[in-house]
PDB file of all heavy atoms in Angstrom:
ATOM      1  N   THR A   1      85.584 168.273 115.987  1.00  0.00           N
ATOM      2  CA  THR A   1      84.696 168.635 114.881  1.00  0.00           C
ATOM      3  C   THR A   1      84.197 170.064 115.029  1.00  0.00           C
ATOM      4  O   THR A   1      84.117 170.822 114.053  1.00  0.00           O
ATOM      5  CB  THR A   1      83.498 167.665 114.827  1.00  0.00           C
ATOM      6  OG1 THR A   1      83.979 166.333 114.664  1.00  0.00           O
ATOM      7  CG2 THR A   1      82.566 168.011 113.690  1.00  0.00           C
ATOM      8  N   ALA A   2      83.863 170.439 116.254  1.00  0.00           N
ATOM      9  CA  ALA A   2      83.344 171.786 116.486  1.00  0.00           C
ATOM     10  C   ALA A   2      84.387 172.850 116.195  1.00  0.00           C
ATOM     11  O   ALA A   2      84.100 173.856 115.536  1.00  0.00           O
ATOM     12  CB  ALA A   2      82.849 171.914 117.922  1.00  0.00           C
ATOM     13  N   THR A   3      85.587 172.652 116.691  1.00  0.00           N
ATOM     14  CA  THR A   3      86.625 173.678 116.580  1.00  0.00           C
ATOM     15  C   THR A   3      87.408 173.608 115.285  1.00  0.00           C
ATOM     16  O   THR A   3      88.205 174.510 114.995  1.00  0.00           O
ATOM     17  CB  THR A   3      87.610 173.565 117.760  1.00  0.00           C
ATOM     18  OG1 THR A   3      88.233 172.263 117.735  1.00  0.00           O
ATOM     19  CG2 THR A   3      86.891 173.748 119.087  1.00  0.00           C
ATOM     20  N   GLY A   4      87.200 172.548 114.510  1.00  0.00           N
ATOM     21  CA  GLY A   4      87.976 172.378 113.291  1.00  0.00           C
ATOM     22  C   GLY A   4      89.374 171.870 113.551  1.00  0.00           C
ATOM     23  O   GLY A   4      90.246 171.955 112.669  1.00  0.00           O
ATOM     24  N   GLY A   5      89.599 171.319 114.744  1.00  0.00           N
ATOM     25  CA  GLY A   5      90.910 170.793 115.086  1.00  0.00           C
ATOM     26  C   GLY A   5      91.014 169.299 114.830  1.00  0.00           C
ATOM     27  O   GLY A   5      90.110 168.666 114.301  1.00  0.00           O
ATOM     28  N   THR A   6      92.174 168.750 115.229  1.00  0.00           N
ATOM     29  CA  THR A   6      92.436 167.324 115.068  1.00  0.00           C
ATOM     30  C   THR A   6      92.920 166.758 116.392  1.00  0.00           C
ATOM     31  O   THR A   6      93.789 167.350 117.044  1.00  0.00           O
ATOM     32  CB  THR A   6      93.504 167.071 113.987  1.00  0.00           C
ATOM     33  OG1 THR A   6      93.077 167.657 112.761  1.00  0.00           O
ATOM     34  CG2 THR A   6      93.721 165.576 113.786  1.00  0.00           C
ATOM     35  N   VAL A   7      92.360 165.633 116.798  1.00  0.00           N
ATOM     36  CA  VAL A   7      92.787 164.978 118.025  1.00  0.00           C
ATOM     37  C   VAL A   7      94.131 164.289 117.777  1.00  0.00           C
ATOM     38  O   VAL A   7      94.316 163.589 116.779  1.00  0.00           O
ATOM     39  CB  VAL A   7      91.752 163.941 118.479  1.00  0.00           C
ATOM     40  CG1 VAL A   7      92.221 163.222 119.734  1.00  0.00           C
ATOM     41  CG2 VAL A   7      90.402 164.613 118.728  1.00  0.00           C
ATOM     42  N   VAL A   8      95.079 164.503 118.693  1.00  0.00           N
ATOM     43  CA  VAL A   8      96.375 163.826 118.607  1.00  0.00           C
ATOM     44  C   VAL A   8      96.562 162.963 119.840  1.00  0.00           C
ATOM     45  O   VAL A   8      95.935 163.186 120.874  1.00  0.00           O
ATOM     46  CB  VAL A   8      97.536 164.835 118.482  1.00  0.00           C
ATOM     47  CG1 VAL A   8      97.397 165.666 117.220  1.00  0.00           C
ATOM     48  CG2 VAL A   8      97.610 165.735 119.715  1.00  0.00           C
ATOM     49  N   SER A   9      97.419 161.977 119.718  1.00  0.00           N
ATOM     50  CA  SER A   9      97.710 161.092 120.840  1.00  0.00           C
ATOM     51  C   SER A   9      99.043 161.411 121.483  1.00  0.00           C
ATOM     52  O   SER A   9      99.327 160.940 122.590  1.00  0.00           O
ATOM     53  CB  SER A   9      97.704 159.623 120.372  1.00  0.00           C
ATOM     54  OG  SER A   9      96.440 159.267 119.872  1.00  0.00           O
ATOM     55  N   ASN A  10      99.869 162.188 120.808  1.00  0.00           N
ATOM     56  CA  ASN A  10     101.193 162.534 121.326  1.00  0.00           C
ATOM     57  C   ASN A  10     101.447 164.006 121.043  1.00  0.00           C
ATOM     58  O   ASN A  10     101.272 164.469 119.904  1.00  0.00           O
ATOM     59  CB  ASN A  10     102.257 161.656 120.641  1.00  0.00           C
ATOM     60  CG  ASN A  10     103.610 161.751 121.326  1.00  0.00           C
ATOM     61  OD1 ASN A  10     104.004 162.830 121.782  1.00  0.00           O
ATOM     62  ND2 ASN A  10     104.316 160.635 121.380  1.00  0.00           N
ATOM     63  N   LEU A  11     101.862 164.744 122.061  1.00  0.00           N
ATOM     64  CA  LEU A  11     102.114 166.176 121.879  1.00  0.00           C
ATOM     65  C   LEU A  11     103.213 166.440 120.857  1.00  0.00           C
ATOM     66  O   LEU A  11     103.226 167.494 120.210  1.00  0.00           O
ATOM     67  CB  LEU A  11     102.509 166.813 123.219  1.00  0.00           C
ATOM     68  CG  LEU A  11     101.365 167.201 124.167  1.00  0.00           C
ATOM     69  CD1 LEU A  11     101.908 167.919 125.385  1.00  0.00           C
ATOM     70  CD2 LEU A  11     100.328 168.068 123.464  1.00  0.00           C
ATOM     71  N   ASP A  12     104.138 165.495 120.703  1.00  0.00           N
ATOM     72  CA  ASP A  12     105.207 165.698 119.722  1.00  0.00           C
ATOM     73  C   ASP A  12     104.665 165.743 118.295  1.00  0.00           C
ATOM     74  O   ASP A  12     105.328 166.267 117.392  1.00  0.00           O
ATOM     75  CB  ASP A  12     106.258 164.584 119.831  1.00  0.00           C
ATOM     76  CG  ASP A  12     107.052 164.670 121.129  1.00  0.00           C
ATOM     77  OD1 ASP A  12     107.119 165.780 121.701  1.00  0.00           O
ATOM     78  OD2 ASP A  12     107.603 163.644 121.573  1.00  0.00           O
ATOM     79  N   ASP A  13     103.476 165.174 118.102  1.00  0.00           N
ATOM     80  CA  ASP A  13     102.883 165.174 116.760  1.00  0.00           C
ATOM     81  C   ASP A  13     102.073 166.435 116.491  1.00  0.00           C
ATOM     82  O   ASP A  13     101.601 166.634 115.357  1.00  0.00           O
ATOM     83  CB  ASP A  13     101.953 163.957 116.596  1.00  0.00           C
ATOM     84  CG  ASP A  13     102.687 162.641 116.742  1.00  0.00           C
ATOM     85  OD1 ASP A  13     103.890 162.611 116.414  1.00  0.00           O
ATOM     86  OD2 ASP A  13     102.067 161.655 117.192  1.00  0.00           O
ATOM     87  N   LEU A  14     101.897 167.271 117.504  1.00  0.00           N
ATOM     88  CA  LEU A  14     101.027 168.437 117.367  1.00  0.00           C
ATOM     89  C   LEU A  14     101.689 169.514 116.513  1.00  0.00           C
ATOM     90  O   LEU A  14     102.837 169.897 116.739  1.00  0.00           O
ATOM     91  CB  LEU A  14     100.698 169.004 118.749  1.00  0.00           C
ATOM     92  CG  LEU A  14      99.666 170.134 118.791  1.00  0.00           C
ATOM     93  CD1 LEU A  14      98.286 169.597 118.441  1.00  0.00           C
ATOM     94  CD2 LEU A  14      99.647 170.786 120.171  1.00  0.00           C
ATOM     95  N   THR A  15     100.956 170.002 115.515  1.00  0.00           N
ATOM     96  CA  THR A  15     101.396 171.106 114.668  1.00  0.00           C
ATOM     97  C   THR A  15     100.304 172.173 114.670  1.00  0.00           C
ATOM     98  O   THR A  15      99.162 171.914 115.086  1.00  0.00           O
ATOM     99  CB  THR A  15     101.659 170.636 113.223  1.00  0.00           C
ATOM    100  OG1 THR A  15     100.410 170.260 112.623  1.00  0.00           O
ATOM    101  CG2 THR A  15     102.616 169.438 113.199  1.00  0.00           C
ATOM    102  N   PRO A  16     100.599 173.373 114.192  1.00  0.00           N
ATOM    103  CA  PRO A  16      99.554 174.409 114.120  1.00  0.00           C
ATOM    104  C   PRO A  16      98.328 173.976 113.319  1.00  0.00           C
ATOM    105  O   PRO A  16      97.211 174.449 113.583  1.00  0.00           O
ATOM    106  CB  PRO A  16     100.272 175.580 113.452  1.00  0.00           C
ATOM    107  CG  PRO A  16     101.706 175.412 113.857  1.00  0.00           C
ATOM    108  CD  PRO A  16     101.932 173.929 113.869  1.00  0.00           C
ATOM    109  N   ASP A  17      98.508 173.080 112.364  1.00  0.00           N
ATOM    110  CA  ASP A  17      97.371 172.611 111.570  1.00  0.00           C
ATOM    111  C   ASP A  17      96.398 171.776 112.385  1.00  0.00           C
ATOM    112  O   ASP A  17      95.242 171.590 111.983  1.00  0.00           O
ATOM    113  CB  ASP A  17      97.856 171.786 110.371  1.00  0.00           C
ATOM    114  CG  ASP A  17      98.602 172.638 109.358  1.00  0.00           C
ATOM    115  OD1 ASP A  17      98.361 173.863 109.339  1.00  0.00           O
ATOM    116  OD2 ASP A  17      99.419 172.081 108.604  1.00  0.00           O
ATOM    117  N   HIS A  18      96.853 171.227 113.516  1.00  0.00           N
ATOM    118  CA  HIS A  18      95.999 170.393 114.359  1.00  0.00           C
ATOM    119  C   HIS A  18      95.134 171.208 115.319  1.00  0.00           C
ATOM    120  O   HIS A  18      94.228 170.656 115.958  1.00  0.00           O
ATOM    121  CB  HIS A  18      96.844 169.413 115.187  1.00  0.00           C
ATOM    122  CG  HIS A  18      97.520 168.364 114.370  1.00  0.00           C
ATOM    123  ND1 HIS A  18      98.890 168.138 114.429  1.00  0.00           N
ATOM    124  CD2 HIS A  18      97.032 167.485 113.458  1.00  0.00           C
ATOM    125  CE1 HIS A  18      99.198 167.156 113.602  1.00  0.00           C
ATOM    126  NE2 HIS A  18      98.094 166.745 113.009  1.00  0.00           N
ATOM    127  N   LEU A  19      95.411 172.497 115.452  1.00  0.00           N
ATOM    128  CA  LEU A  19      94.723 173.299 116.459  1.00  0.00           C
ATOM    129  C   LEU A  19      93.312 173.665 116.015  1.00  0.00           C
ATOM    130  O   LEU A  19      93.058 173.952 114.845  1.00  0.00           O
ATOM    131  CB  LEU A  19      95.510 174.577 116.753  1.00  0.00           C
ATOM    132  CG  LEU A  19      96.928 174.394 117.285  1.00  0.00           C
ATOM    133  CD1 LEU A  19      97.555 175.753 117.575  1.00  0.00           C
ATOM    134  CD2 LEU A  19      96.932 173.531 118.530  1.00  0.00           C
ATOM    135  N   GLY A  20      92.395 173.634 116.985  1.00  0.00           N
ATOM    136  CA  GLY A  20      91.043 174.103 116.748  1.00  0.00           C
ATOM    137  C   GLY A  20      90.884 175.541 117.206  1.00  0.00           C
ATOM    138  O   GLY A  20      91.761 176.096 117.887  1.00  0.00           O
ATOM    139  N   ARG A  21      89.759 176.134 116.836  1.00  0.00           N
ATOM    140  CA  ARG A  21      89.522 177.543 117.180  1.00  0.00           C
ATOM    141  C   ARG A  21      88.129 177.712 117.778  1.00  0.00           C
ATOM    142  O   ARG A  21      87.186 177.021 117.393  1.00  0.00           O
ATOM    143  CB  ARG A  21      89.661 178.441 115.948  1.00  0.00           C
ATOM    144  CG  ARG A  21      91.074 178.541 115.411  1.00  0.00           C
ATOM    145  CD  ARG A  21      91.118 179.368 114.124  1.00  0.00           C
ATOM    146  NE  ARG A  21      92.473 179.494 113.616  1.00  0.00           N
ATOM    147  CZ  ARG A  21      93.311 180.471 113.927  1.00  0.00           C
ATOM    148  NH1 ARG A  21      92.919 181.439 114.757  1.00  0.00           N
ATOM    149  NH2 ARG A  21      94.524 180.524 113.414  1.00  0.00           N
ATOM    150  N   ALA A  22      88.034 178.666 118.699  1.00  0.00           N
ATOM    151  CA  ALA A  22      86.749 179.048 119.279  1.00  0.00           C
ATOM    152  C   ALA A  22      86.791 180.538 119.576  1.00  0.00           C
ATOM    153  O   ALA A  22      87.811 181.048 120.050  1.00  0.00           O
ATOM    154  CB  ALA A  22      86.474 178.267 120.561  1.00  0.00           C
ATOM    155  N   GLU A  23      85.693 181.226 119.279  1.00  0.00           N
ATOM    156  CA  GLU A  23      85.665 182.669 119.533  1.00  0.00           C
ATOM    157  C   GLU A  23      85.761 182.981 121.017  1.00  0.00           C
ATOM    158  O   GLU A  23      86.322 183.998 121.399  1.00  0.00           O
ATOM    159  CB  GLU A  23      84.382 183.266 118.955  1.00  0.00           C
ATOM    160  CG  GLU A  23      84.320 183.256 117.442  1.00  0.00           C
ATOM    161  CD  GLU A  23      83.047 183.887 116.920  1.00  0.00           C
ATOM    162  OE1 GLU A  23      82.242 184.360 117.763  1.00  0.00           O
ATOM    163  OE2 GLU A  23      82.854 183.924 115.699  1.00  0.00           O
ATOM    164  N   ARG A  24      85.224 182.100 121.851  1.00  0.00           N
ATOM    165  CA  ARG A  24      85.246 182.357 123.284  1.00  0.00           C
ATOM    166  C   ARG A  24      85.226 181.026 124.038  1.00  0.00           C
ATOM    167  O   ARG A  24      84.453 180.128 123.704  1.00  0.00           O
ATOM    168  CB  ARG A  24      84.045 183.211 123.707  1.00  0.00           C
ATOM    169  CG  ARG A  24      84.007 183.573 125.183  1.00  0.00           C
ATOM    170  CD  ARG A  24      82.807 184.459 125.486  1.00  0.00           C
ATOM    171  NE  ARG A  24      82.685 184.770 126.900  1.00  0.00           N
ATOM    172  CZ  ARG A  24      83.291 185.800 127.482  1.00  0.00           C
ATOM    173  NH1 ARG A  24      84.051 186.606 126.772  1.00  0.00           N
ATOM    174  NH2 ARG A  24      83.132 186.042 128.781  1.00  0.00           N
ATOM    175  N   VAL A  25      86.069 180.915 125.027  1.00  0.00           N
ATOM    176  CA  VAL A  25      86.105 179.755 125.915  1.00  0.00           C
ATOM    177  C   VAL A  25      85.981 180.266 127.343  1.00  0.00           C
ATOM    178  O   VAL A  25      86.730 181.163 127.766  1.00  0.00           O
ATOM    179  CB  VAL A  25      87.413 178.948 125.759  1.00  0.00           C
ATOM    180  CG1 VAL A  25      87.392 177.735 126.699  1.00  0.00           C
ATOM    181  CG2 VAL A  25      87.600 178.492 124.320  1.00  0.00           C
ATOM    182  N   GLU A  26      85.037 179.722 128.065  1.00  0.00           N
ATOM    183  CA  GLU A  26      84.851 180.112 129.453  1.00  0.00           C
ATOM    184  C   GLU A  26      84.312 178.940 130.255  1.00  0.00           C
ATOM    185  O   GLU A  26      83.900 177.927 129.700  1.00  0.00           O
ATOM    186  CB  GLU A  26      83.886 181.296 129.552  1.00  0.00           C
ATOM    187  CG  GLU A  26      82.480 180.998 129.061  1.00  0.00           C
ATOM    188  CD  GLU A  26      81.569 182.200 129.191  1.00  0.00           C
ATOM    189  OE1 GLU A  26      81.846 183.049 130.059  1.00  0.00           O
ATOM    190  OE2 GLU A  26      80.581 182.285 128.446  1.00  0.00           O
ATOM    191  N   GLU A  27      84.330 179.093 131.569  1.00  0.00           N
ATOM    192  CA  GLU A  27      83.880 178.025 132.456  1.00  0.00           C
ATOM    193  C   GLU A  27      82.683 178.505 133.264  1.00  0.00           C
ATOM    194  O   GLU A  27      82.638 179.654 133.712  1.00  0.00           O
ATOM    195  CB  GLU A  27      85.019 177.611 133.390  1.00  0.00           C
ATOM    196  CG  GLU A  27      84.796 176.302 134.104  1.00  0.00           C
ATOM    197  CD  GLU A  27      86.060 175.813 134.795  1.00  0.00           C
ATOM    198  OE1 GLU A  27      86.904 175.198 134.099  1.00  0.00           O
ATOM    199  OE2 GLU A  27      86.222 176.076 135.999  1.00  0.00           O
ATOM    200  N   ARG A  28      81.702 177.603 133.421  1.00  0.00           N
ATOM    201  CA  ARG A  28      80.514 177.918 134.209  1.00  0.00           C
ATOM    202  C   ARG A  28      80.253 176.791 135.188  1.00  0.00           C
ATOM    203  O   ARG A  28      80.583 175.638 134.926  1.00  0.00           O
ATOM    204  CB  ARG A  28      79.280 178.087 133.316  1.00  0.00           C
ATOM    205  CG  ARG A  28      79.396 179.097 132.218  1.00  0.00           C
ATOM    206  CD  ARG A  28      78.078 179.187 131.447  1.00  0.00           C
ATOM    207  NE  ARG A  28      78.265 179.862 130.171  1.00  0.00           N
ATOM    208  CZ  ARG A  28      77.676 179.503 129.047  1.00  0.00           C
ATOM    209  NH1 ARG A  28      76.845 178.472 129.045  1.00  0.00           N
ATOM    210  NH2 ARG A  28      77.884 180.159 127.929  1.00  0.00           N
ATOM    211  N   ARG A  29      79.608 177.142 136.281  1.00  0.00           N
ATOM    212  CA  ARG A  29      79.116 176.147 137.240  1.00  0.00           C
ATOM    213  C   ARG A  29      77.629 175.949 137.011  1.00  0.00           C
ATOM    214  O   ARG A  29      76.869 176.906 136.897  1.00  0.00           O
ATOM    215  CB  ARG A  29      79.345 176.621 138.674  1.00  0.00           C
ATOM    216  CG  ARG A  29      80.807 176.624 139.086  1.00  0.00           C
ATOM    217  CD  ARG A  29      81.206 175.255 139.595  1.00  0.00           C
ATOM    218  NE  ARG A  29      82.620 175.195 139.924  1.00  0.00           N
ATOM    219  CZ  ARG A  29      83.171 174.283 140.709  1.00  0.00           C
ATOM    220  NH1 ARG A  29      82.396 173.369 141.264  1.00  0.00           N
ATOM    221  NH2 ARG A  29      84.459 174.284 140.948  1.00  0.00           N
ATOM    222  N   ALA A  30      77.210 174.699 136.911  1.00  0.00           N
ATOM    223  CA  ALA A  30      75.800 174.373 136.691  1.00  0.00           C
ATOM    224  C   ALA A  30      75.424 173.225 137.607  1.00  0.00           C
ATOM    225  O   ALA A  30      75.720 172.066 137.317  1.00  0.00           O
ATOM    226  CB  ALA A  30      75.554 174.000 135.232  1.00  0.00           C
ATOM    227  N   GLY A  31      74.803 173.566 138.736  1.00  0.00           N
ATOM    228  CA  GLY A  31      74.437 172.526 139.687  1.00  0.00           C
ATOM    229  C   GLY A  31      75.663 171.827 140.230  1.00  0.00           C
ATOM    230  O   GLY A  31      76.578 172.458 140.768  1.00  0.00           O
TER     231      GLY A  31
END
């Protein structure tokens, strides 16, 4: 919902229309 993408159960079903978008993705450590 956040990225505007679609959850798939099989990679073979994945198309560009299923992809979500985010301006920035990063990883943080918190505790």
